[in-house]
Amino acid sequence: MTKNSRLSGVASMIGVGLLTLILCLGIGFVYLGSGPPSTLTATGYVAMGLGLLASIMLGVGLALLVLQGRKRN
């Protein structure tokens, strides 16, 4: 394994970690809302869950397309 490939792997892991942190902070902000008096109905929770599921599936699909493209080259 060359030094560049190790650095590339570390950089990828740092990038994935930062994106995961941003996602978790965003979910926390949406869950807590802008202040204590705000409430979320059952419909709001369903919408938030569906949006989260859609964004995760989109991210996984794009990652698989990138990996598939790298294998072809």
C-alpha atoms as a PDB file:
ATOM      1  CA  MET A   1       0.000   0.000   0.000  1.00  0.00           C
ATOM      2  CA  THR A   2       1.443   3.352  -0.960  1.00  0.00           C
ATOM      3  CA  LYS A   3       1.530   6.415   1.225  1.00  0.00           C
ATOM      4  CA  ASN A   4      -0.895   8.327  -1.026  1.00  0.00           C
ATOM      5  CA  SER A   5      -3.523   5.610  -0.828  1.00  0.00           C
ATOM      6  CA  ARG A   6      -3.311   5.597   2.977  1.00  0.00           C
ATOM      7  CA  LEU A   7      -3.715   9.372   3.083  1.00  0.00           C
ATOM      8  CA  SER A   8      -6.600   9.145   0.659  1.00  0.00           C
ATOM      9  CA  GLY A   9      -8.310   6.584   2.902  1.00  0.00           C
ATOM     10  CA  VAL A  10      -7.814   8.754   5.977  1.00  0.00           C
ATOM     11  CA  ALA A  11      -9.118  11.823   4.146  1.00  0.00           C
ATOM     12  CA  SER A  12     -12.186   9.862   3.026  1.00  0.00           C
ATOM     13  CA  MET A  13     -12.897   8.726   6.575  1.00  0.00           C
ATOM     14  CA  ILE A  14     -12.543  12.289   7.895  1.00  0.00           C
ATOM     15  CA  GLY A  15     -14.928  13.524   5.188  1.00  0.00           C
ATOM     16  CA  VAL A  16     -17.499  10.843   5.966  1.00  0.00           C
ATOM     17  CA  GLY A  17     -17.177  11.602   9.674  1.00  0.00           C
ATOM     18  CA  LEU A  18     -17.747  15.322   9.150  1.00  0.00           C
ATOM     19  CA  LEU A  19     -20.757  14.734   6.923  1.00  0.00           C
ATOM     20  CA  THR A  20     -22.222  12.327   9.489  1.00  0.00           C
ATOM     21  CA  LEU A  21     -21.714  14.928  12.214  1.00  0.00           C
ATOM     22  CA  ILE A  22     -23.453  17.591  10.125  1.00  0.00           C
ATOM     23  CA  LEU A  23     -26.337  15.187   9.464  1.00  0.00           C
ATOM     24  CA  CYS A  24     -26.707  14.397  13.167  1.00  0.00           C
ATOM     25  CA  LEU A  25     -26.649  18.088  14.094  1.00  0.00           C
ATOM     26  CA  GLY A  26     -29.299  18.807  11.465  1.00  0.00           C
ATOM     27  CA  ILE A  27     -31.534  16.024  12.738  1.00  0.00           C
ATOM     28  CA  GLY A  28     -31.091  17.280  16.296  1.00  0.00           C
ATOM     29  CA  PHE A  29     -31.991  20.823  15.280  1.00  0.00           C
ATOM     30  CA  VAL A  30     -35.115  19.671  13.448  1.00  0.00           C
ATOM     31  CA  TYR A  31     -36.126  17.448  16.372  1.00  0.00           C
ATOM     32  CA  LEU A  32     -35.643  20.129  19.006  1.00  0.00           C
ATOM     33  CA  GLY A  33     -37.076  22.884  16.850  1.00  0.00           C
ATOM     34  CA  SER A  34     -36.456  26.561  17.274  1.00  0.00           C
ATOM     35  CA  GLY A  35     -37.594  26.703  20.901  1.00  0.00           C
ATOM     36  CA  PRO A  36     -39.467  24.949  23.706  1.00  0.00           C
ATOM     37  CA  PRO A  37     -43.010  26.039  22.733  1.00  0.00           C
ATOM     38  CA  SER A  38     -42.792  24.402  19.301  1.00  0.00           C
ATOM     39  CA  THR A  39     -44.436  21.003  18.981  1.00  0.00           C
ATOM     40  CA  LEU A  40     -44.347  18.489  16.175  1.00  0.00           C
ATOM     41  CA  THR A  41     -47.441  16.495  15.277  1.00  0.00           C
ATOM     42  CA  ALA A  42     -47.463  12.843  14.271  1.00  0.00           C
ATOM     43  CA  THR A  43     -47.649  13.940  10.643  1.00  0.00           C
ATOM     44  CA  GLY A  44     -44.510  16.013  11.173  1.00  0.00           C
ATOM     45  CA  TYR A  45     -42.632  13.019  12.595  1.00  0.00           C
ATOM     46  CA  VAL A  46     -43.730  10.864   9.641  1.00  0.00           C
ATOM     47  CA  ALA A  47     -42.623  13.556   7.180  1.00  0.00           C
ATOM     48  CA  MET A  48     -39.270  13.923   8.956  1.00  0.00           C
ATOM     49  CA  GLY A  49     -38.741  10.169   8.912  1.00  0.00           C
ATOM     50  CA  LEU A  50     -39.608   9.858   5.227  1.00  0.00           C
ATOM     51  CA  GLY A  51     -37.319  12.752   4.344  1.00  0.00           C
ATOM     52  CA  LEU A  52     -34.481  11.227   6.328  1.00  0.00           C
ATOM     53  CA  LEU A  53     -35.016   7.835   4.703  1.00  0.00           C
ATOM     54  CA  ALA A  54     -35.090   9.391   1.226  1.00  0.00           C
ATOM     55  CA  SER A  55     -31.888  11.356   1.807  1.00  0.00           C
ATOM     56  CA  ILE A  56     -30.060   8.306   3.158  1.00  0.00           C
ATOM     57  CA  MET A  57     -31.170   6.176   0.204  1.00  0.00           C
ATOM     58  CA  LEU A  58     -30.105   8.915  -2.213  1.00  0.00           C
ATOM     59  CA  GLY A  59     -26.692   9.129  -0.561  1.00  0.00           C
ATOM     60  CA  VAL A  60     -26.194   5.363  -0.647  1.00  0.00           C
ATOM     61  CA  GLY A  61     -27.279   5.223  -4.292  1.00  0.00           C
ATOM     62  CA  LEU A  62     -24.866   7.964  -5.297  1.00  0.00           C
ATOM     63  CA  ALA A  63     -22.023   6.316  -3.375  1.00  0.00           C
ATOM     64  CA  LEU A  64     -22.716   3.021  -5.154  1.00  0.00           C
ATOM     65  CA  LEU A  65     -22.697   4.772  -8.529  1.00  0.00           C
ATOM     66  CA  VAL A  66     -19.325   6.362  -7.735  1.00  0.00           C
ATOM     67  CA  LEU A  67     -17.869   3.015  -6.672  1.00  0.00           C
ATOM     68  CA  GLN A  68     -19.226   1.312  -9.755  1.00  0.00           C
ATOM     69  CA  GLY A  69     -17.705   4.021 -11.936  1.00  0.00           C
ATOM     70  CA  ARG A  70     -14.312   3.594 -10.273  1.00  0.00           C
ATOM     71  CA  LYS A  71     -14.355  -0.153 -10.847  1.00  0.00           C
ATOM     72  CA  ARG A  72     -14.944   0.326 -14.561  1.00  0.00           C
ATOM     73  CA  ASN A  73     -11.931   2.622 -14.986  1.00  0.00           C
END
